Amino acid sequence: MAAIVATVAYLGLEARAVEVQVQLIPGLPAFNVVGLADKAVGESRERVRGAIAGMGLSLPPKRIAVNLSPADLPK
């Protein structure tokens, strides 16, 4: 299963297009964010886990891969 969301990253006053691709992959449970994400984006993994737990749900027992594209743009 894959999902794609369009968003933006701000570089000063300029907004650059960013595509967020999320895919569930068979394997040991993990949550990975790739694509030149800064520290705040990396910490969002725990906020996502907390939000899902707060709704009474749980993450699927699969690998969750989040790709932030383009990879050369700081986010």
PDB file of N, CA and C in Angstrom:
ATOM      1  N   MET A   1       0.840  -1.173   0.000  1.00  0.00           N
ATOM      2  CA  MET A   1       0.000   0.000   0.000  1.00  0.00           C
ATOM      3  C   MET A   1       0.884   1.236   0.000  1.00  0.00           C
ATOM      4  N   ALA A   2       0.596   2.208  -0.836  1.00  0.00           N
ATOM      5  CA  ALA A   2       1.355   3.456  -0.886  1.00  0.00           C
ATOM      6  C   ALA A   2       0.396   4.632  -0.903  1.00  0.00           C
ATOM      7  N   ALA A   3       0.830   5.732  -0.302  1.00  0.00           N
ATOM      8  CA  ALA A   3       0.047   6.969  -0.307  1.00  0.00           C
ATOM      9  C   ALA A   3       0.991   8.111  -0.644  1.00  0.00           C
ATOM     10  N   ILE A   4       0.502   9.085  -1.396  1.00  0.00           N
ATOM     11  CA  ILE A   4       1.309  10.234  -1.784  1.00  0.00           C
ATOM     12  C   ILE A   4       0.550  11.503  -1.426  1.00  0.00           C
ATOM     13  N   VAL A   5       1.263  12.447  -0.782  1.00  0.00           N
ATOM     14  CA  VAL A   5       0.673  13.719  -0.379  1.00  0.00           C
ATOM     15  C   VAL A   5       1.576  14.841  -0.882  1.00  0.00           C
ATOM     16  N   ALA A   6       0.994  15.891  -1.430  1.00  0.00           N
ATOM     17  CA  ALA A   6       1.759  17.055  -1.874  1.00  0.00           C
ATOM     18  C   ALA A   6       1.744  18.109  -0.772  1.00  0.00           C
ATOM     19  N   THR A   7       2.917  18.693  -0.488  1.00  0.00           N
ATOM     20  CA  THR A   7       3.043  19.732   0.527  1.00  0.00           C
ATOM     21  C   THR A   7       4.161  20.679   0.096  1.00  0.00           C
ATOM     22  N   VAL A   8       4.631  21.535   1.009  1.00  0.00           N
ATOM     23  CA  VAL A   8       5.699  22.472   0.678  1.00  0.00           C
ATOM     24  C   VAL A   8       6.737  22.511   1.798  1.00  0.00           C
ATOM     25  N   ALA A   9       7.949  22.937   1.435  1.00  0.00           N
ATOM     26  CA  ALA A   9       9.007  23.235   2.396  1.00  0.00           C
ATOM     27  C   ALA A   9       9.378  24.693   2.188  1.00  0.00           C
ATOM     28  N   TYR A  10       9.553  25.428   3.273  1.00  0.00           N
ATOM     29  CA  TYR A  10       9.872  26.847   3.169  1.00  0.00           C
ATOM     30  C   TYR A  10      11.374  27.061   3.266  1.00  0.00           C
ATOM     31  N   LEU A  11      11.917  27.802   2.306  1.00  0.00           N
ATOM     32  CA  LEU A  11      13.312  28.223   2.305  1.00  0.00           C
ATOM     33  C   LEU A  11      13.303  29.743   2.346  1.00  0.00           C
ATOM     34  N   GLY A  12      13.349  30.295   3.547  1.00  0.00           N
ATOM     35  CA  GLY A  12      13.202  31.742   3.690  1.00  0.00           C
ATOM     36  C   GLY A  12      11.774  32.126   3.350  1.00  0.00           C
ATOM     37  N   LEU A  13      11.616  32.994   2.343  1.00  0.00           N
ATOM     38  CA  LEU A  13      10.281  33.401   1.916  1.00  0.00           C
ATOM     39  C   LEU A  13       9.756  32.563   0.762  1.00  0.00           C
ATOM     40  N   GLU A  14      10.569  31.673   0.264  1.00  0.00           N
ATOM     41  CA  GLU A  14      10.203  30.851  -0.893  1.00  0.00           C
ATOM     42  C   GLU A  14       9.640  29.506  -0.446  1.00  0.00           C
ATOM     43  N   ALA A  15       8.552  29.086  -1.077  1.00  0.00           N
ATOM     44  CA  ALA A  15       7.966  27.764  -0.810  1.00  0.00           C
ATOM     45  C   ALA A  15       8.314  26.844  -1.971  1.00  0.00           C
ATOM     46  N   ARG A  16       8.864  25.677  -1.644  1.00  0.00           N
ATOM     47  CA  ARG A  16       9.223  24.691  -2.670  1.00  0.00           C
ATOM     48  C   ARG A  16       8.327  23.470  -2.516  1.00  0.00           C
ATOM     49  N   ALA A  17       7.897  22.905  -3.633  1.00  0.00           N
ATOM     50  CA  ALA A  17       7.015  21.731  -3.616  1.00  0.00           C
ATOM     51  C   ALA A  17       7.748  20.510  -3.071  1.00  0.00           C
ATOM     52  N   VAL A  18       7.060  19.767  -2.232  1.00  0.00           N
ATOM     53  CA  VAL A  18       7.585  18.527  -1.653  1.00  0.00           C
ATOM     54  C   VAL A  18       6.517  17.459  -1.794  1.00  0.00           C
ATOM     55  N   GLU A  19       6.934  16.263  -2.155  1.00  0.00           N
ATOM     56  CA  GLU A  19       6.025  15.128  -2.245  1.00  0.00           C
ATOM     57  C   GLU A  19       6.381  14.154  -1.129  1.00  0.00           C
ATOM     58  N   VAL A  20       5.386  13.765  -0.341  1.00  0.00           N
ATOM     59  CA  VAL A  20       5.573  12.812   0.750  1.00  0.00           C
ATOM     60  C   VAL A  20       4.980  11.483   0.307  1.00  0.00           C
ATOM     61  N   GLN A  21       5.827  10.461   0.234  1.00  0.00           N
ATOM     62  CA  GLN A  21       5.392   9.127  -0.177  1.00  0.00           C
ATOM     63  C   GLN A  21       5.511   8.206   1.033  1.00  0.00           C
ATOM     64  N   VAL A  22       4.433   7.509   1.354  1.00  0.00           N
ATOM     65  CA  VAL A  22       4.420   6.587   2.489  1.00  0.00           C
ATOM     66  C   VAL A  22       4.082   5.201   1.966  1.00  0.00           C
ATOM     67  N   GLN A  23       4.886   4.232   2.384  1.00  0.00           N
ATOM     68  CA  GLN A  23       4.659   2.873   1.919  1.00  0.00           C
ATOM     69  C   GLN A  23       4.797   1.893   3.074  1.00  0.00           C
ATOM     70  N   LEU A  24       3.895   0.908   3.124  1.00  0.00           N
ATOM     71  CA  LEU A  24       3.973  -0.185   4.090  1.00  0.00           C
ATOM     72  C   LEU A  24       4.686  -1.348   3.426  1.00  0.00           C
ATOM     73  N   ILE A  25       5.723  -1.853   4.086  1.00  0.00           N
ATOM     74  CA  ILE A  25       6.566  -2.905   3.520  1.00  0.00           C
ATOM     75  C   ILE A  25       6.593  -4.072   4.495  1.00  0.00           C
ATOM     76  N   PRO A  26       6.458  -5.305   4.005  1.00  0.00           N
ATOM     77  CA  PRO A  26       6.574  -6.455   4.908  1.00  0.00           C
ATOM     78  C   PRO A  26       7.954  -6.475   5.575  1.00  0.00           C
ATOM     79  N   GLY A  27       7.995  -6.913   6.811  1.00  0.00           N
ATOM     80  CA  GLY A  27       9.255  -6.998   7.548  1.00  0.00           C
ATOM     81  C   GLY A  27       9.041  -6.649   9.009  1.00  0.00           C
ATOM     82  N   LEU A  28      10.153  -6.553   9.749  1.00  0.00           N
ATOM     83  CA  LEU A  28      10.072  -6.197  11.159  1.00  0.00           C
ATOM     84  C   LEU A  28       9.530  -4.774  11.302  1.00  0.00           C
ATOM     85  N   PRO A  29       8.675  -4.531  12.293  1.00  0.00           N
ATOM     86  CA  PRO A  29       8.089  -3.196  12.458  1.00  0.00           C
ATOM     87  C   PRO A  29       9.157  -2.113  12.625  1.00  0.00           C
ATOM     88  N   ALA A  30       9.029  -1.048  11.856  1.00  0.00           N
ATOM     89  CA  ALA A  30       9.930   0.100  11.930  1.00  0.00           C
ATOM     90  C   ALA A  30       9.231   1.296  11.301  1.00  0.00           C
ATOM     91  N   PHE A  31       9.716   2.488  11.622  1.00  0.00           N
ATOM     92  CA  PHE A  31       9.168   3.729  11.070  1.00  0.00           C
ATOM     93  C   PHE A  31      10.363   4.570  10.642  1.00  0.00           C
ATOM     94  N   ASN A  32      10.607   4.685   9.341  1.00  0.00           N
ATOM     95  CA  ASN A  32      11.767   5.400   8.822  1.00  0.00           C
ATOM     96  C   ASN A  32      11.349   6.598   7.992  1.00  0.00           C
ATOM     97  N   VAL A  33      12.044   7.732   8.182  1.00  0.00           N
ATOM     98  CA  VAL A  33      11.834   8.939   7.391  1.00  0.00           C
ATOM     99  C   VAL A  33      13.133   9.224   6.651  1.00  0.00           C
ATOM    100  N   VAL A  34      13.072   9.320   5.317  1.00  0.00           N
ATOM    101  CA  VAL A  34      14.265   9.586   4.512  1.00  0.00           C
ATOM    102  C   VAL A  34      14.003  10.788   3.601  1.00  0.00           C
ATOM    103  N   GLY A  35      15.071  11.426   3.129  1.00  0.00           N
ATOM    104  CA  GLY A  35      14.918  12.527   2.188  1.00  0.00           C
ATOM    105  C   GLY A  35      15.379  13.863   2.729  1.00  0.00           C
ATOM    106  N   LEU A  36      16.505  13.906   3.441  1.00  0.00           N
ATOM    107  CA  LEU A  36      17.101  15.147   3.964  1.00  0.00           C
ATOM    108  C   LEU A  36      16.164  15.873   4.919  1.00  0.00           C
ATOM    109  N   ALA A  37      15.589  15.121   5.835  1.00  0.00           N
ATOM    110  CA  ALA A  37      14.699  15.704   6.846  1.00  0.00           C
ATOM    111  C   ALA A  37      15.527  16.268   7.993  1.00  0.00           C
ATOM    112  N   ASP A  38      15.124  17.424   8.555  1.00  0.00           N
ATOM    113  CA  ASP A  38      15.859  17.973   9.689  1.00  0.00           C
ATOM    114  C   ASP A  38      15.413  17.281  10.977  1.00  0.00           C
ATOM    115  N   LYS A  39      15.982  17.696  12.084  1.00  0.00           N
ATOM    116  CA  LYS A  39      15.729  17.047  13.373  1.00  0.00           C
ATOM    117  C   LYS A  39      14.242  17.059  13.750  1.00  0.00           C
ATOM    118  N   ALA A  40      13.560  18.161  13.513  1.00  0.00           N
ATOM    119  CA  ALA A  40      12.136  18.260  13.875  1.00  0.00           C
ATOM    120  C   ALA A  40      11.298  17.260  13.094  1.00  0.00           C
ATOM    121  N   VAL A  41      11.603  17.047  11.823  1.00  0.00           N
ATOM    122  CA  VAL A  41      10.864  16.070  11.019  1.00  0.00           C
ATOM    123  C   VAL A  41      11.142  14.663  11.534  1.00  0.00           C
ATOM    124  N   GLY A  42      12.395  14.382  11.876  1.00  0.00           N
ATOM    125  CA  GLY A  42      12.739  13.070  12.413  1.00  0.00           C
ATOM    126  C   GLY A  42      12.020  12.782  13.717  1.00  0.00           C
ATOM    127  N   GLU A  43      11.847  13.820  14.551  1.00  0.00           N
ATOM    128  CA  GLU A  43      11.145  13.637  15.824  1.00  0.00           C
ATOM    129  C   GLU A  43       9.643  13.440  15.632  1.00  0.00           C
ATOM    130  N   SER A  44       9.130  13.764  14.466  1.00  0.00           N
ATOM    131  CA  SER A  44       7.696  13.613  14.231  1.00  0.00           C
ATOM    132  C   SER A  44       7.262  12.155  14.284  1.00  0.00           C
ATOM    133  N   ARG A  45       8.198  11.234  14.117  1.00  0.00           N
ATOM    134  CA  ARG A  45       7.844   9.809  14.228  1.00  0.00           C
ATOM    135  C   ARG A  45       7.175   9.522  15.553  1.00  0.00           C
ATOM    136  N   GLU A  46       7.719  10.072  16.643  1.00  0.00           N
ATOM    137  CA  GLU A  46       7.134   9.829  17.965  1.00  0.00           C
ATOM    138  C   GLU A  46       5.795  10.530  18.117  1.00  0.00           C
ATOM    139  N   ARG A  47       5.623  11.712  17.504  1.00  0.00           N
ATOM    140  CA  ARG A  47       4.327  12.393  17.566  1.00  0.00           C
ATOM    141  C   ARG A  47       3.268  11.607  16.809  1.00  0.00           C
ATOM    142  N   VAL A  48       3.644  10.999  15.689  1.00  0.00           N
ATOM    143  CA  VAL A  48       2.701  10.170  14.922  1.00  0.00           C
ATOM    144  C   VAL A  48       2.300   8.952  15.741  1.00  0.00           C
ATOM    145  N   ARG A  49       3.277   8.296  16.349  1.00  0.00           N
ATOM    146  CA  ARG A  49       2.964   7.130  17.194  1.00  0.00           C
ATOM    147  C   ARG A  49       2.019   7.518  18.333  1.00  0.00           C
ATOM    148  N   GLY A  50       2.294   8.647  18.976  1.00  0.00           N
ATOM    149  CA  GLY A  50       1.451   9.114  20.075  1.00  0.00           C
ATOM    150  C   GLY A  50       0.038   9.446  19.620  1.00  0.00           C
ATOM    151  N   ALA A  51      -0.101  10.074  18.464  1.00  0.00           N
ATOM    152  CA  ALA A  51      -1.419  10.421  17.946  1.00  0.00           C
ATOM    153  C   ALA A  51      -2.224   9.174  17.616  1.00  0.00           C
ATOM    154  N   ILE A  52      -1.574   8.199  17.030  1.00  0.00           N
ATOM    155  CA  ILE A  52      -2.262   6.955  16.690  1.00  0.00           C
ATOM    156  C   ILE A  52      -2.682   6.214  17.960  1.00  0.00           C
ATOM    157  N   ALA A  53      -1.791   6.170  18.950  1.00  0.00           N
ATOM    158  CA  ALA A  53      -2.125   5.518  20.222  1.00  0.00           C
ATOM    159  C   ALA A  53      -3.250   6.272  20.927  1.00  0.00           C
ATOM    160  N   GLY A  54      -3.261   7.597  20.821  1.00  0.00           N
ATOM    161  CA  GLY A  54      -4.314   8.401  21.448  1.00  0.00           C
ATOM    162  C   GLY A  54      -5.688   8.130  20.870  1.00  0.00           C
ATOM    163  N   MET A  55      -5.745   7.675  19.633  1.00  0.00           N
ATOM    164  CA  MET A  55      -7.017   7.327  19.003  1.00  0.00           C
ATOM    165  C   MET A  55      -7.419   5.884  19.299  1.00  0.00           C
ATOM    166  N   GLY A  56      -6.587   5.189  20.068  1.00  0.00           N
ATOM    167  CA  GLY A  56      -6.889   3.803  20.392  1.00  0.00           C
ATOM    168  C   GLY A  56      -6.502   2.831  19.296  1.00  0.00           C
ATOM    169  N   LEU A  57      -5.673   3.263  18.363  1.00  0.00           N
ATOM    170  CA  LEU A  57      -5.226   2.401  17.266  1.00  0.00           C
ATOM    171  C   LEU A  57      -3.773   2.007  17.491  1.00  0.00           C
ATOM    172  N   SER A  58      -3.274   1.140  16.653  1.00  0.00           N
ATOM    173  CA  SER A  58      -1.864   0.763  16.726  1.00  0.00           C
ATOM    174  C   SER A  58      -1.272   0.741  15.319  1.00  0.00           C
ATOM    175  N   LEU A  59       0.027   0.931  15.245  1.00  0.00           N
ATOM    176  CA  LEU A  59       0.701   0.857  13.958  1.00  0.00           C
ATOM    177  C   LEU A  59       0.659  -0.574  13.446  1.00  0.00           C
ATOM    178  N   PRO A  60       0.583  -0.762  12.139  1.00  0.00           N
ATOM    179  CA  PRO A  60       0.576  -2.130  11.604  1.00  0.00           C
ATOM    180  C   PRO A  60       1.928  -2.800  11.853  1.00  0.00           C
ATOM    181  N   PRO A  61       1.941  -4.112  11.984  1.00  0.00           N
ATOM    182  CA  PRO A  61       3.204  -4.826  12.222  1.00  0.00           C
ATOM    183  C   PRO A  61       4.025  -4.954  10.938  1.00  0.00           C
ATOM    184  N   LYS A  62       4.348  -3.828  10.326  1.00  0.00           N
ATOM    185  CA  LYS A  62       5.116  -3.785   9.088  1.00  0.00           C
ATOM    186  C   LYS A  62       6.093  -2.627   9.158  1.00  0.00           C
ATOM    187  N   ARG A  63       6.980  -2.549   8.183  1.00  0.00           N
ATOM    188  CA  ARG A  63       7.892  -1.415   8.056  1.00  0.00           C
ATOM    189  C   ARG A  63       7.134  -0.266   7.404  1.00  0.00           C
ATOM    190  N   ILE A  64       7.267   0.925   7.951  1.00  0.00           N
ATOM    191  CA  ILE A  64       6.651   2.121   7.383  1.00  0.00           C
ATOM    192  C   ILE A  64       7.783   2.996   6.857  1.00  0.00           C
ATOM    193  N   ALA A  65       7.802   3.221   5.554  1.00  0.00           N
ATOM    194  CA  ALA A  65       8.838   4.032   4.923  1.00  0.00           C
ATOM    195  C   ALA A  65       8.203   5.339   4.443  1.00  0.00           C
ATOM    196  N   VAL A  66       8.749   6.470   4.907  1.00  0.00           N
ATOM    197  CA  VAL A  66       8.283   7.797   4.504  1.00  0.00           C
ATOM    198  C   VAL A  66       9.410   8.450   3.717  1.00  0.00           C
ATOM    199  N   ASN A  67       9.158   8.755   2.456  1.00  0.00           N
ATOM    200  CA  ASN A  67      10.143   9.382   1.588  1.00  0.00           C
ATOM    201  C   ASN A  67       9.719  10.813   1.307  1.00  0.00           C
ATOM    202  N   LEU A  68      10.629  11.773   1.581  1.00  0.00           N
ATOM    203  CA  LEU A  68      10.379  13.178   1.307  1.00  0.00           C
ATOM    204  C   LEU A  68      11.154  13.552   0.048  1.00  0.00           C
ATOM    205  N   SER A  69      10.435  13.904  -1.005  1.00  0.00           N
ATOM    206  CA  SER A  69      11.067  14.149  -2.296  1.00  0.00           C
ATOM    207  C   SER A  69      10.850  15.597  -2.716  1.00  0.00           C
ATOM    208  N   PRO A  70      11.818  16.306  -3.250  1.00  0.00           N
ATOM    209  CA  PRO A  70      13.131  15.863  -3.719  1.00  0.00           C
ATOM    210  C   PRO A  70      14.125  15.686  -2.572  1.00  0.00           C
ATOM    211  N   ALA A  71      15.013  14.740  -2.742  1.00  0.00           N
ATOM    212  CA  ALA A  71      15.945  14.368  -1.683  1.00  0.00           C
ATOM    213  C   ALA A  71      16.997  15.432  -1.399  1.00  0.00           C
ATOM    214  N   ASP A  72      17.294  16.308  -2.369  1.00  0.00           N
ATOM    215  CA  ASP A  72      18.351  17.302  -2.158  1.00  0.00           C
ATOM    216  C   ASP A  72      17.862  18.590  -1.514  1.00  0.00           C
ATOM    217  N   LEU A  73      16.572  18.690  -1.234  1.00  0.00           N
ATOM    218  CA  LEU A  73      15.982  19.888  -0.626  1.00  0.00           C
ATOM    219  C   LEU A  73      15.855  19.694   0.880  1.00  0.00           C
ATOM    220  N   PRO A  74      16.465  20.562   1.696  1.00  0.00           N
ATOM    221  CA  PRO A  74      16.296  20.433   3.157  1.00  0.00           C
ATOM    222  C   PRO A  74      14.842  20.666   3.541  1.00  0.00           C
ATOM    223  N   LYS A  75      14.345  19.860   4.474  1.00  0.00           N
ATOM    224  CA  LYS A  75      12.945  19.974   4.888  1.00  0.00           C
ATOM    225  C   LYS A  75      12.863  20.089   6.394  1.00  0.00           C
TER     226      LYS A  75
END
